[in-house]
Amino acid sequence: MNNDKPDWLTGIYKRLGNYSQWEGIHWYGAGKLLITTEKTPLNKALIATLDVQKLLDSSE
């Protein structure tokens, strides 16, 4: 963070599973994300949680 703004040059990038297009993203709790997808003719709507720390600790 730089002046309370993300520093994209030093960010750590992780790829989420290929499902569709993740739409809504909400931080909640300590290091957790709530993410959603919209319903499409090919896919159902989903809601998922993601523990960011576990993702960062993984070697993927």
C-alpha atoms as a PDB file:
ATOM      1  CA  MET A   1       0.000   0.000   0.000  1.00  0.00           C
ATOM      2  CA  ASN A   2       1.158   3.478  -0.821  1.00  0.00           C
ATOM      3  CA  ASN A   3      -0.786   6.355   0.748  1.00  0.00           C
ATOM      4  CA  ASP A   4      -3.668   3.930   1.443  1.00  0.00           C
ATOM      5  CA  LYS A   5      -3.753   2.908  -2.242  1.00  0.00           C
ATOM      6  CA  PRO A   6      -2.660  -0.448  -3.688  1.00  0.00           C
ATOM      7  CA  ASP A   7       0.802  -0.582  -5.227  1.00  0.00           C
ATOM      8  CA  TRP A   8       0.107  -2.706  -8.321  1.00  0.00           C
ATOM      9  CA  LEU A   9       3.809  -2.998  -9.198  1.00  0.00           C
ATOM     10  CA  THR A  10       4.566  -4.980  -6.035  1.00  0.00           C
ATOM     11  CA  GLY A  11       1.269  -6.900  -5.924  1.00  0.00           C
ATOM     12  CA  ILE A  12       1.048 -10.693  -5.773  1.00  0.00           C
ATOM     13  CA  TYR A  13      -1.178 -12.106  -8.500  1.00  0.00           C
ATOM     14  CA  LYS A  14      -3.087 -15.380  -8.115  1.00  0.00           C
ATOM     15  CA  ARG A  15      -5.437 -16.946 -10.638  1.00  0.00           C
ATOM     16  CA  LEU A  16      -8.851 -18.078  -9.443  1.00  0.00           C
ATOM     17  CA  GLY A  17     -10.442 -21.162 -10.914  1.00  0.00           C
ATOM     18  CA  ASN A  18     -11.838 -20.865 -14.403  1.00  0.00           C
ATOM     19  CA  TYR A  19     -15.565 -20.749 -14.024  1.00  0.00           C
ATOM     20  CA  SER A  20     -16.960 -17.731 -15.762  1.00  0.00           C
ATOM     21  CA  GLN A  21     -16.591 -14.071 -14.988  1.00  0.00           C
ATOM     22  CA  TRP A  22     -16.437 -13.202 -11.309  1.00  0.00           C
ATOM     23  CA  GLU A  23     -18.685 -10.176 -10.826  1.00  0.00           C
ATOM     24  CA  GLY A  24     -19.059  -8.993  -7.250  1.00  0.00           C
ATOM     25  CA  ILE A  25     -16.116  -8.941  -4.859  1.00  0.00           C
ATOM     26  CA  HIS A  26     -16.457  -7.989  -1.186  1.00  0.00           C
ATOM     27  CA  TRP A  27     -13.809  -8.049   1.592  1.00  0.00           C
ATOM     28  CA  TYR A  28     -15.177  -9.379   4.869  1.00  0.00           C
ATOM     29  CA  GLY A  29     -13.594 -10.587   8.065  1.00  0.00           C
ATOM     30  CA  ALA A  30      -9.832 -10.945   8.304  1.00  0.00           C
ATOM     31  CA  GLY A  31      -8.423 -11.578   4.828  1.00  0.00           C
ATOM     32  CA  LYS A  32     -11.492 -13.165   3.283  1.00  0.00           C
ATOM     33  CA  LEU A  33     -13.312 -12.415   0.045  1.00  0.00           C
ATOM     34  CA  LEU A  34     -16.907 -13.058  -0.914  1.00  0.00           C
ATOM     35  CA  ILE A  35     -17.212 -13.383  -4.710  1.00  0.00           C
ATOM     36  CA  THR A  36     -20.207 -13.933  -6.995  1.00  0.00           C
ATOM     37  CA  THR A  37     -21.013 -14.749 -10.604  1.00  0.00           C
ATOM     38  CA  GLU A  38     -24.157 -13.919 -12.516  1.00  0.00           C
ATOM     39  CA  LYS A  39     -26.462 -16.499 -14.042  1.00  0.00           C
ATOM     40  CA  THR A  40     -25.978 -16.940 -17.787  1.00  0.00           C
ATOM     41  CA  PRO A  41     -27.574 -19.285 -20.325  1.00  0.00           C
ATOM     42  CA  LEU A  42     -24.524 -21.555 -19.911  1.00  0.00           C
ATOM     43  CA  ASN A  43     -23.818 -21.258 -16.162  1.00  0.00           C
ATOM     44  CA  LYS A  44     -25.695 -20.894 -12.908  1.00  0.00           C
ATOM     45  CA  ALA A  45     -25.151 -18.037 -10.468  1.00  0.00           C
ATOM     46  CA  LEU A  46     -22.621 -18.793  -7.741  1.00  0.00           C
ATOM     47  CA  ILE A  47     -21.402 -17.287  -4.517  1.00  0.00           C
ATOM     48  CA  ALA A  48     -18.069 -18.325  -3.018  1.00  0.00           C
ATOM     49  CA  THR A  49     -15.707 -17.408  -0.214  1.00  0.00           C
ATOM     50  CA  LEU A  50     -11.963 -17.212  -0.545  1.00  0.00           C
ATOM     51  CA  ASP A  51      -9.377 -17.189   2.238  1.00  0.00           C
ATOM     52  CA  VAL A  52      -6.722 -14.872   0.831  1.00  0.00           C
ATOM     53  CA  GLN A  53      -4.018 -15.939   3.273  1.00  0.00           C
ATOM     54  CA  LYS A  54      -4.379 -19.601   2.307  1.00  0.00           C
ATOM     55  CA  LEU A  55      -4.179 -18.592  -1.340  1.00  0.00           C
ATOM     56  CA  LEU A  56      -0.986 -16.595  -0.707  1.00  0.00           C
ATOM     57  CA  ASP A  57       0.538 -19.479   1.271  1.00  0.00           C
ATOM     58  CA  SER A  58      -0.095 -21.956  -1.560  1.00  0.00           C
ATOM     59  CA  SER A  59       2.555 -22.611  -4.182  1.00  0.00           C
ATOM     60  CA  GLU A  60       0.129 -22.306  -7.135  1.00  0.00           C
END
